[in-house]
């Protein structure tokens, strides 16, 4: 039986080829890949947020269950770290350009 697309592992470089090309061209390889990563994390946050609407805490009505809160916290922190790396790379590139 041939593997389905669900079971076949696809590389992020294959799945996001067009976005990677665009952002790597605009920002360079490292910052471009981080920009695509930021978009992927943002999309994941949207999906988790939608799930949180339906999985409400019994203890705290109006709030998502604890595991969803923890996932959102982790994704938010990951975005913060990615953003800081992008800014540092940008700063280094600008400094290198000024030294030329």
PDB file of N, CA and C in Angstrom:
ATOM      1  N   UNK A   1       0.847  -1.178   0.000  1.00  0.00           N
ATOM      2  CA  UNK A   1       0.000   0.000   0.000  1.00  0.00           C
ATOM      3  C   UNK A   1       0.890   1.238   0.000  1.00  0.00           C
ATOM      4  N   UNK A   2       0.706   2.178  -0.948  1.00  0.00           N
ATOM      5  CA  UNK A   2       1.559   3.366  -1.006  1.00  0.00           C
ATOM      6  C   UNK A   2       1.298   4.295   0.175  1.00  0.00           C
ATOM      7  N   UNK A   3       2.338   4.965   0.648  1.00  0.00           N
ATOM      8  CA  UNK A   3       2.144   5.869   1.790  1.00  0.00           C
ATOM      9  C   UNK A   3       1.282   7.058   1.389  1.00  0.00           C
ATOM     10  N   UNK A   4       0.440   7.477   2.303  1.00  0.00           N
ATOM     11  CA  UNK A   4      -0.380   8.661   2.051  1.00  0.00           C
ATOM     12  C   UNK A   4       0.438   9.903   2.354  1.00  0.00           C
ATOM     13  N   UNK A   5      -0.031  11.035   1.884  1.00  0.00           N
ATOM     14  CA  UNK A   5       0.703  12.275   2.144  1.00  0.00           C
ATOM     15  C   UNK A   5       0.745  12.582   3.639  1.00  0.00           C
ATOM     16  N   UNK A   6      -0.219  12.049   4.385  1.00  0.00           N
ATOM     17  CA  UNK A   6      -0.245  12.265   5.827  1.00  0.00           C
ATOM     18  C   UNK A   6       0.917  11.553   6.502  1.00  0.00           C
ATOM     19  N   UNK A   7       1.242  10.365   6.028  1.00  0.00           N
ATOM     20  CA  UNK A   7       2.292   9.577   6.655  1.00  0.00           C
ATOM     21  C   UNK A   7       3.688   9.900   6.139  1.00  0.00           C
ATOM     22  N   UNK A   8       3.779  10.511   4.997  1.00  0.00           N
ATOM     23  CA  UNK A   8       5.072  10.793   4.384  1.00  0.00           C
ATOM     24  C   UNK A   8       5.669  12.059   5.004  1.00  0.00           C
ATOM     25  N   UNK A   9       6.879  11.955   5.482  1.00  0.00           N
ATOM     26  CA  UNK A   9       7.542  13.110   6.088  1.00  0.00           C
ATOM     27  C   UNK A   9       8.034  14.039   4.988  1.00  0.00           C
ATOM     28  N   UNK A  10       7.585  15.276   5.041  1.00  0.00           N
ATOM     29  CA  UNK A  10       8.012  16.290   4.086  1.00  0.00           C
ATOM     30  C   UNK A  10       8.923  17.268   4.812  1.00  0.00           C
ATOM     31  N   UNK A  11       9.942  17.681   4.136  1.00  0.00           N
ATOM     32  CA  UNK A  11      10.859  18.649   4.697  1.00  0.00           C
ATOM     33  C   UNK A  11      10.210  20.030   4.713  1.00  0.00           C
ATOM     34  N   UNK A  12      10.523  20.797   5.733  1.00  0.00           N
ATOM     35  CA  UNK A  12      10.040  22.181   5.777  1.00  0.00           C
ATOM     36  C   UNK A  12      10.550  22.953   4.570  1.00  0.00           C
ATOM     37  N   UNK A  13      11.726  22.576   4.082  1.00  0.00           N
ATOM     38  CA  UNK A  13      12.286  23.252   2.912  1.00  0.00           C
ATOM     39  C   UNK A  13      11.456  22.957   1.664  1.00  0.00           C
ATOM     40  N   UNK A  14      10.815  21.792   1.623  1.00  0.00           N
ATOM     41  CA  UNK A  14       9.913  21.468   0.512  1.00  0.00           C
ATOM     42  C   UNK A  14       8.556  22.136   0.705  1.00  0.00           C
ATOM     43  N   UNK A  15       8.027  22.033   1.913  1.00  0.00           N
ATOM     44  CA  UNK A  15       6.689  22.578   2.184  1.00  0.00           C
ATOM     45  C   UNK A  15       6.608  24.088   2.030  1.00  0.00           C
ATOM     46  N   UNK A  16       7.677  24.786   2.326  1.00  0.00           N
ATOM     47  CA  UNK A  16       7.664  26.253   2.319  1.00  0.00           C
ATOM     48  C   UNK A  16       8.639  26.826   1.295  1.00  0.00           C
ATOM     49  N   UNK A  17       8.868  26.102   0.222  1.00  0.00           N
ATOM     50  CA  UNK A  17       9.865  26.473  -0.786  1.00  0.00           C
ATOM     51  C   UNK A  17       9.660  27.907  -1.298  1.00  0.00           C
ATOM     52  N   UNK A  18       8.442  28.249  -1.692  1.00  0.00           N
ATOM     53  CA  UNK A  18       8.192  29.576  -2.263  1.00  0.00           C
ATOM     54  C   UNK A  18       8.433  30.694  -1.245  1.00  0.00           C
ATOM     55  N   UNK A  19       7.909  30.495  -0.034  1.00  0.00           N
ATOM     56  CA  UNK A  19       8.099  31.508   1.007  1.00  0.00           C
ATOM     57  C   UNK A  19       9.568  31.670   1.355  1.00  0.00           C
ATOM     58  N   UNK A  20      10.280  30.531   1.461  1.00  0.00           N
ATOM     59  CA  UNK A  20      11.709  30.586   1.772  1.00  0.00           C
ATOM     60  C   UNK A  20      12.477  31.344   0.693  1.00  0.00           C
ATOM     61  N   UNK A  21      12.185  31.049  -0.561  1.00  0.00           N
ATOM     62  CA  UNK A  21      12.860  31.760  -1.658  1.00  0.00           C
ATOM     63  C   UNK A  21      12.652  33.260  -1.550  1.00  0.00           C
ATOM     64  N   UNK A  22      11.398  33.645  -1.337  1.00  0.00           N
ATOM     65  CA  UNK A  22      11.062  35.075  -1.274  1.00  0.00           C
ATOM     66  C   UNK A  22      11.770  35.766  -0.107  1.00  0.00           C
ATOM     67  N   UNK A  23      11.645  35.205   1.089  1.00  0.00           N
ATOM     68  CA  UNK A  23      12.213  35.857   2.258  1.00  0.00           C
ATOM     69  C   UNK A  23      13.740  35.781   2.293  1.00  0.00           C
ATOM     70  N   UNK A  24      14.311  34.662   1.829  1.00  0.00           N
ATOM     71  CA  UNK A  24      15.773  34.572   1.779  1.00  0.00           C
ATOM     72  C   UNK A  24      16.342  35.587   0.793  1.00  0.00           C
ATOM     73  N   UNK A  25      15.648  35.828  -0.300  1.00  0.00           N
ATOM     74  CA  UNK A  25      16.090  36.832  -1.267  1.00  0.00           C
ATOM     75  C   UNK A  25      16.038  38.227  -0.650  1.00  0.00           C
ATOM     76  N   UNK A  26      14.951  38.515   0.071  1.00  0.00           N
ATOM     77  CA  UNK A  26      14.772  39.856   0.654  1.00  0.00           C
ATOM     78  C   UNK A  26      15.674  40.099   1.860  1.00  0.00           C
ATOM     79  N   UNK A  27      15.878  39.075   2.687  1.00  0.00           N
ATOM     80  CA  UNK A  27      16.516  39.283   3.990  1.00  0.00           C
ATOM     81  C   UNK A  27      17.824  38.528   4.177  1.00  0.00           C
ATOM     82  N   UNK A  28      18.180  37.680   3.249  1.00  0.00           N
ATOM     83  CA  UNK A  28      19.335  36.808   3.426  1.00  0.00           C
ATOM     84  C   UNK A  28      18.872  35.468   3.973  1.00  0.00           C
ATOM     85  N   UNK A  29      19.727  34.449   3.868  1.00  0.00           N
ATOM     86  CA  UNK A  29      19.315  33.101   4.262  1.00  0.00           C
ATOM     87  C   UNK A  29      18.861  32.966   5.722  1.00  0.00           C
ATOM     88  N   UNK A  30      19.647  33.454   6.648  1.00  0.00           N
ATOM     89  CA  UNK A  30      19.312  33.247   8.069  1.00  0.00           C
ATOM     90  C   UNK A  30      18.045  33.997   8.464  1.00  0.00           C
ATOM     91  N   UNK A  31      17.997  35.291   8.177  1.00  0.00           N
ATOM     92  CA  UNK A  31      16.815  36.070   8.551  1.00  0.00           C
ATOM     93  C   UNK A  31      15.588  35.631   7.762  1.00  0.00           C
ATOM     94  N   UNK A  32      15.772  35.233   6.513  1.00  0.00           N
ATOM     95  CA  UNK A  32      14.651  34.763   5.709  1.00  0.00           C
ATOM     96  C   UNK A  32      14.034  33.498   6.288  1.00  0.00           C
ATOM     97  N   UNK A  33      14.885  32.570   6.691  1.00  0.00           N
ATOM     98  CA  UNK A  33      14.376  31.329   7.293  1.00  0.00           C
ATOM     99  C   UNK A  33      13.696  31.608   8.624  1.00  0.00           C
ATOM    100  N   UNK A  34      14.257  32.528   9.381  1.00  0.00           N
ATOM    101  CA  UNK A  34      13.606  32.890  10.644  1.00  0.00           C
ATOM    102  C   UNK A  34      12.258  33.563  10.404  1.00  0.00           C
ATOM    103  N   UNK A  35      12.155  34.359   9.362  1.00  0.00           N
ATOM    104  CA  UNK A  35      10.880  35.009   9.040  1.00  0.00           C
ATOM    105  C   UNK A  35       9.818  33.974   8.690  1.00  0.00           C
ATOM    106  N   UNK A  36      10.199  32.964   7.913  1.00  0.00           N
ATOM    107  CA  UNK A  36       9.252  31.895   7.580  1.00  0.00           C
ATOM    108  C   UNK A  36       8.896  31.113   8.845  1.00  0.00           C
ATOM    109  N   UNK A  37       9.877  30.871   9.694  1.00  0.00           N
ATOM    110  CA  UNK A  37       9.617  30.181  10.960  1.00  0.00           C
ATOM    111  C   UNK A  37       8.631  30.979  11.805  1.00  0.00           C
ATOM    112  N   UNK A  38       8.799  32.295  11.829  1.00  0.00           N
ATOM    113  CA  UNK A  38       7.886  33.153  12.584  1.00  0.00           C
ATOM    114  C   UNK A  38       6.465  33.022  12.035  1.00  0.00           C
ATOM    115  N   UNK A  39       6.323  32.969  10.722  1.00  0.00           N
ATOM    116  CA  UNK A  39       4.999  32.793  10.123  1.00  0.00           C
ATOM    117  C   UNK A  39       4.392  31.448  10.502  1.00  0.00           C
ATOM    118  N   UNK A  40       5.211  30.396  10.512  1.00  0.00           N
ATOM    119  CA  UNK A  40       4.720  29.061  10.869  1.00  0.00           C
ATOM    120  C   UNK A  40       4.258  29.044  12.327  1.00  0.00           C
ATOM    121  N   UNK A  41       5.045  29.640  13.210  1.00  0.00           N
ATOM    122  CA  UNK A  41       4.678  29.700  14.632  1.00  0.00           C
ATOM    123  C   UNK A  41       3.404  30.520  14.808  1.00  0.00           C
ATOM    124  N   UNK A  42       3.270  31.615  14.068  1.00  0.00           N
ATOM    125  CA  UNK A  42       2.060  32.435  14.145  1.00  0.00           C
ATOM    126  C   UNK A  42       0.844  31.640  13.696  1.00  0.00           C
ATOM    127  N   UNK A  43       0.984  30.870  12.618  1.00  0.00           N
ATOM    128  CA  UNK A  43      -0.120  30.020  12.159  1.00  0.00           C
ATOM    129  C   UNK A  43      -0.489  28.981  13.219  1.00  0.00           C
ATOM    130  N   UNK A  44       0.521  28.401  13.862  1.00  0.00           N
ATOM    131  CA  UNK A  44       0.266  27.420  14.925  1.00  0.00           C
ATOM    132  C   UNK A  44      -0.472  28.075  16.086  1.00  0.00           C
ATOM    133  N   UNK A  45      -0.100  29.301  16.408  1.00  0.00           N
ATOM    134  CA  UNK A  45      -0.777  30.015  17.492  1.00  0.00           C
ATOM    135  C   UNK A  45      -2.250  30.245  17.155  1.00  0.00           C
ATOM    136  N   UNK A  46      -2.525  30.573  15.900  1.00  0.00           N
ATOM    137  CA  UNK A  46      -3.917  30.777  15.485  1.00  0.00           C
ATOM    138  C   UNK A  46      -4.723  29.490  15.634  1.00  0.00           C
ATOM    139  N   UNK A  47      -4.127  28.370  15.222  1.00  0.00           N
ATOM    140  CA  UNK A  47      -4.825  27.078  15.345  1.00  0.00           C
ATOM    141  C   UNK A  47      -5.060  26.703  16.802  1.00  0.00           C
ATOM    142  N   UNK A  48      -4.044  26.904  17.632  1.00  0.00           N
ATOM    143  CA  UNK A  48      -4.194  26.588  19.059  1.00  0.00           C
ATOM    144  C   UNK A  48      -5.223  27.519  19.686  1.00  0.00           C
ATOM    145  N   UNK A  49      -5.208  28.780  19.276  1.00  0.00           N
ATOM    146  CA  UNK A  49      -6.193  29.735  19.797  1.00  0.00           C
ATOM    147  C   UNK A  49      -7.615  29.338  19.436  1.00  0.00           C
ATOM    148  N   UNK A  50      -7.827  28.874  18.211  1.00  0.00           N
ATOM    149  CA  UNK A  50      -9.148  28.398  17.806  1.00  0.00           C
ATOM    150  C   UNK A  50      -9.559  27.193  18.638  1.00  0.00           C
ATOM    151  N   UNK A  51      -8.614  26.299  18.872  1.00  0.00           N
ATOM    152  CA  UNK A  51      -8.897  25.113  19.684  1.00  0.00           C
ATOM    153  C   UNK A  51      -9.261  25.539  21.111  1.00  0.00           C
ATOM    154  N   UNK A  52      -8.594  26.570  21.608  1.00  0.00           N
ATOM    155  CA  UNK A  52      -8.858  27.054  22.961  1.00  0.00           C
ATOM    156  C   UNK A  52     -10.259  27.600  23.147  1.00  0.00           C
ATOM    157  N   UNK A  53     -10.867  28.059  22.065  1.00  0.00           N
ATOM    158  CA  UNK A  53     -12.243  28.557  22.146  1.00  0.00           C
ATOM    159  C   UNK A  53     -13.190  27.411  22.502  1.00  0.00           C
ATOM    160  N   UNK A  54     -12.899  26.219  21.986  1.00  0.00           N
ATOM    161  CA  UNK A  54     -13.781  25.079  22.210  1.00  0.00           C
ATOM    162  C   UNK A  54     -13.412  24.265  23.438  1.00  0.00           C
ATOM    163  N   UNK A  55     -12.208  24.390  23.918  1.00  0.00           N
ATOM    164  CA  UNK A  55     -11.759  23.635  25.091  1.00  0.00           C
ATOM    165  C   UNK A  55     -11.614  24.588  26.265  1.00  0.00           C
ATOM    166  N   UNK A  56     -12.729  24.910  26.866  1.00  0.00           N
ATOM    167  CA  UNK A  56     -12.742  25.863  27.970  1.00  0.00           C
ATOM    168  C   UNK A  56     -12.507  25.145  29.298  1.00  0.00           C
ATOM    169  N   UNK A  57     -11.856  25.846  30.199  1.00  0.00           N
ATOM    170  CA  UNK A  57     -11.584  25.319  31.527  1.00  0.00           C
ATOM    171  C   UNK A  57     -12.881  25.227  32.325  1.00  0.00           C
ATOM    172  N   UNK A  58     -13.057  24.121  33.015  1.00  0.00           N
ATOM    173  CA  UNK A  58     -14.217  23.971  33.896  1.00  0.00           C
ATOM    174  C   UNK A  58     -14.039  24.832  35.150  1.00  0.00           C
ATOM    175  N   UNK A  59     -12.801  24.925  35.581  1.00  0.00           N
ATOM    176  CA  UNK A  59     -12.496  25.666  36.799  1.00  0.00           C
ATOM    177  C   UNK A  59     -12.555  27.176  36.580  1.00  0.00           C
ATOM    178  N   UNK A  60     -12.086  27.631  35.387  1.00  0.00           N
ATOM    179  CA  UNK A  60     -12.052  29.057  35.078  1.00  0.00           C
ATOM    180  C   UNK A  60     -12.789  29.301  33.761  1.00  0.00           C
ATOM    181  N   UNK A  61     -14.107  29.412  33.810  1.00  0.00           N
ATOM    182  CA  UNK A  61     -14.874  29.632  32.586  1.00  0.00           C
ATOM    183  C   UNK A  61     -14.369  30.865  31.821  1.00  0.00           C
ATOM    184  N   UNK A  62     -14.345  30.744  30.512  1.00  0.00           N
ATOM    185  CA  UNK A  62     -13.859  31.844  29.679  1.00  0.00           C
ATOM    186  C   UNK A  62     -12.373  31.755  29.382  1.00  0.00           C
ATOM    187  N   UNK A  63     -11.683  30.822  30.018  1.00  0.00           N
ATOM    188  CA  UNK A  63     -10.250  30.608  29.763  1.00  0.00           C
ATOM    189  C   UNK A  63     -10.064  29.222  29.165  1.00  0.00           C
ATOM    190  N   UNK A  64      -9.077  29.094  28.263  1.00  0.00           N
ATOM    191  CA  UNK A  64      -8.818  27.762  27.718  1.00  0.00           C
ATOM    192  C   UNK A  64      -8.233  26.832  28.780  1.00  0.00           C
ATOM    193  N   UNK A  65      -8.315  25.532  28.510  1.00  0.00           N
ATOM    194  CA  UNK A  65      -7.751  24.557  29.445  1.00  0.00           C
ATOM    195  C   UNK A  65      -6.252  24.813  29.601  1.00  0.00           C
ATOM    196  N   UNK A  66      -5.703  24.324  30.697  1.00  0.00           N
ATOM    197  CA  UNK A  66      -4.323  24.634  31.068  1.00  0.00           C
ATOM    198  C   UNK A  66      -3.306  24.220  30.006  1.00  0.00           C
ATOM    199  N   UNK A  67      -3.491  23.050  29.383  1.00  0.00           N
ATOM    200  CA  UNK A  67      -2.502  22.625  28.392  1.00  0.00           C
ATOM    201  C   UNK A  67      -2.461  23.585  27.201  1.00  0.00           C
ATOM    202  N   UNK A  68      -3.595  24.097  26.807  1.00  0.00           N
ATOM    203  CA  UNK A  68      -3.630  25.062  25.698  1.00  0.00           C
ATOM    204  C   UNK A  68      -2.973  26.372  26.127  1.00  0.00           C
ATOM    205  N   UNK A  69      -3.206  26.790  27.356  1.00  0.00           N
ATOM    206  CA  UNK A  69      -2.536  27.992  27.862  1.00  0.00           C
ATOM    207  C   UNK A  69      -1.020  27.827  27.828  1.00  0.00           C
ATOM    208  N   UNK A  70      -0.544  26.637  28.213  1.00  0.00           N
ATOM    209  CA  UNK A  70       0.896  26.383  28.231  1.00  0.00           C
ATOM    210  C   UNK A  70       1.473  26.351  26.820  1.00  0.00           C
ATOM    211  N   UNK A  71       0.756  25.763  25.881  1.00  0.00           N
ATOM    212  CA  UNK A  71       1.222  25.735  24.495  1.00  0.00           C
ATOM    213  C   UNK A  71       1.295  27.161  23.942  1.00  0.00           C
ATOM    214  N   UNK A  72       0.272  27.962  24.207  1.00  0.00           N
ATOM    215  CA  UNK A  72       0.279  29.353  23.724  1.00  0.00           C
ATOM    216  C   UNK A  72       1.435  30.134  24.355  1.00  0.00           C
ATOM    217  N   UNK A  73       1.699  29.911  25.628  1.00  0.00           N
ATOM    218  CA  UNK A  73       2.800  30.593  26.300  1.00  0.00           C
ATOM    219  C   UNK A  73       4.131  30.209  25.648  1.00  0.00           C
ATOM    220  N   UNK A  74       4.299  28.926  25.373  1.00  0.00           N
ATOM    221  CA  UNK A  74       5.534  28.462  24.737  1.00  0.00           C
ATOM    222  C   UNK A  74       5.697  29.035  23.333  1.00  0.00           C
ATOM    223  N   UNK A  75       4.626  29.052  22.563  1.00  0.00           N
ATOM    224  CA  UNK A  75       4.694  29.613  21.211  1.00  0.00           C
ATOM    225  C   UNK A  75       4.992  31.108  21.245  1.00  0.00           C
ATOM    226  N   UNK A  76       4.396  31.812  22.179  1.00  0.00           N
ATOM    227  CA  UNK A  76       4.651  33.248  22.324  1.00  0.00           C
ATOM    228  C   UNK A  76       6.117  33.493  22.677  1.00  0.00           C
ATOM    229  N   UNK A  77       6.649  32.698  23.582  1.00  0.00           N
ATOM    230  CA  UNK A  77       8.054  32.840  23.962  1.00  0.00           C
ATOM    231  C   UNK A  77       8.981  32.478  22.804  1.00  0.00           C
ATOM    232  N   UNK A  78       8.620  31.468  22.019  1.00  0.00           N
ATOM    233  CA  UNK A  78       9.416  31.099  20.854  1.00  0.00           C
ATOM    234  C   UNK A  78       9.453  32.244  19.853  1.00  0.00           C
ATOM    235  N   UNK A  79       8.303  32.891  19.631  1.00  0.00           N
ATOM    236  CA  UNK A  79       8.266  34.038  18.721  1.00  0.00           C
ATOM    237  C   UNK A  79       9.145  35.177  19.226  1.00  0.00           C
ATOM    238  N   UNK A  80       9.125  35.395  20.520  1.00  0.00           N
ATOM    239  CA  UNK A  80       9.949  36.447  21.118  1.00  0.00           C
ATOM    240  C   UNK A  80      11.435  36.168  20.868  1.00  0.00           C
ATOM    241  N   UNK A  81      11.847  34.932  21.057  1.00  0.00           N
ATOM    242  CA  UNK A  81      13.248  34.569  20.832  1.00  0.00           C
ATOM    243  C   UNK A  81      13.621  34.665  19.352  1.00  0.00           C
ATOM    244  N   UNK A  82      12.752  34.190  18.468  1.00  0.00           N
ATOM    245  CA  UNK A  82      13.012  34.287  17.030  1.00  0.00           C
ATOM    246  C   UNK A  82      13.162  35.740  16.625  1.00  0.00           C
ATOM    247  N   UNK A  83      12.274  36.573  17.115  1.00  0.00           N
ATOM    248  CA  UNK A  83      12.315  38.006  16.796  1.00  0.00           C
ATOM    249  C   UNK A  83      13.621  38.635  17.267  1.00  0.00           C
ATOM    250  N   UNK A  84      14.079  38.250  18.452  1.00  0.00           N
ATOM    251  CA  UNK A  84      15.318  38.826  18.975  1.00  0.00           C
ATOM    252  C   UNK A  84      16.521  38.414  18.126  1.00  0.00           C
ATOM    253  N   UNK A  85      16.519  37.178  17.632  1.00  0.00           N
ATOM    254  CA  UNK A  85      17.607  36.722  16.769  1.00  0.00           C
ATOM    255  C   UNK A  85      17.570  37.484  15.444  1.00  0.00           C
ATOM    256  N   UNK A  86      16.372  37.675  14.896  1.00  0.00           N
ATOM    257  CA  UNK A  86      16.245  38.430  13.637  1.00  0.00           C
ATOM    258  C   UNK A  86      16.774  39.851  13.803  1.00  0.00           C
ATOM    259  N   UNK A  87      16.444  40.479  14.918  1.00  0.00           N
ATOM    260  CA  UNK A  87      16.919  41.845  15.173  1.00  0.00           C
ATOM    261  C   UNK A  87      18.436  41.882  15.331  1.00  0.00           C
ATOM    262  N   UNK A  88      18.994  40.894  16.010  1.00  0.00           N
ATOM    263  CA  UNK A  88      20.449  40.838  16.193  1.00  0.00           C
ATOM    264  C   UNK A  88      21.154  40.644  14.858  1.00  0.00           C
ATOM    265  N   UNK A  89      20.632  39.768  14.016  1.00  0.00           N
ATOM    266  CA  UNK A  89      21.224  39.564  12.696  1.00  0.00           C
ATOM    267  C   UNK A  89      21.130  40.828  11.841  1.00  0.00           C
ATOM    268  N   UNK A  90      20.015  41.512  11.951  1.00  0.00           N
ATOM    269  CA  UNK A  90      19.839  42.769  11.214  1.00  0.00           C
ATOM    270  C   UNK A  90      20.851  43.808  11.694  1.00  0.00           C
ATOM    271  N   UNK A  91      21.012  43.899  13.009  1.00  0.00           N
ATOM    272  CA  UNK A  91      21.959  44.853  13.580  1.00  0.00           C
ATOM    273  C   UNK A  91      23.382  44.536  13.117  1.00  0.00           C
ATOM    274  N   UNK A  92      23.743  43.263  13.141  1.00  0.00           N
ATOM    275  CA  UNK A  92      25.083  42.857  12.704  1.00  0.00           C
ATOM    276  C   UNK A  92      25.306  43.180  11.229  1.00  0.00           C
ATOM    277  N   UNK A  93      24.288  42.953  10.420  1.00  0.00           N
ATOM    278  CA  UNK A  93      24.415  43.234   8.984  1.00  0.00           C
ATOM    279  C   UNK A  93      24.560  44.730   8.732  1.00  0.00           C
ATOM    280  N   UNK A  94      23.757  45.520   9.429  1.00  0.00           N
ATOM    281  CA  UNK A  94      23.865  46.983   9.274  1.00  0.00           C
ATOM    282  C   UNK A  94      25.214  47.483   9.717  1.00  0.00           C
ATOM    283  N   UNK A  95      25.746  46.925  10.802  1.00  0.00           N
ATOM    284  CA  UNK A  95      27.060  47.322  11.301  1.00  0.00           C
ATOM    285  C   UNK A  95      28.137  46.934  10.300  1.00  0.00           C
ATOM    286  N   UNK A  96      28.043  45.757   9.713  1.00  0.00           N
ATOM    287  CA  UNK A  96      29.006  45.320   8.704  1.00  0.00           C
ATOM    288  C   UNK A  96      28.937  46.213   7.473  1.00  0.00           C
ATOM    289  N   UNK A  97      27.725  46.618   7.072  1.00  0.00           N
ATOM    290  CA  UNK A  97      27.565  47.502   5.915  1.00  0.00           C
ATOM    291  C   UNK A  97      28.190  48.877   6.174  1.00  0.00           C
ATOM    292  N   UNK A  98      28.101  49.371   7.418  1.00  0.00           N
ATOM    293  CA  UNK A  98      28.691  50.671   7.750  1.00  0.00           C
ATOM    294  C   UNK A  98      30.216  50.613   7.755  1.00  0.00           C
ATOM    295  N   UNK A  99      30.777  49.427   8.047  1.00  0.00           N
ATOM    296  CA  UNK A  99      32.219  49.280   8.124  1.00  0.00           C
ATOM    297  C   UNK A  99      32.866  49.102   6.750  1.00  0.00           C
ATOM    298  N   UNK A 100      32.052  48.945   5.742  1.00  0.00           N
ATOM    299  CA  UNK A 100      32.597  48.752   4.384  1.00  0.00           C
ATOM    300  C   UNK A 100      32.971  50.070   3.767  1.00  0.00           C
TER     301      UNK A 100
END
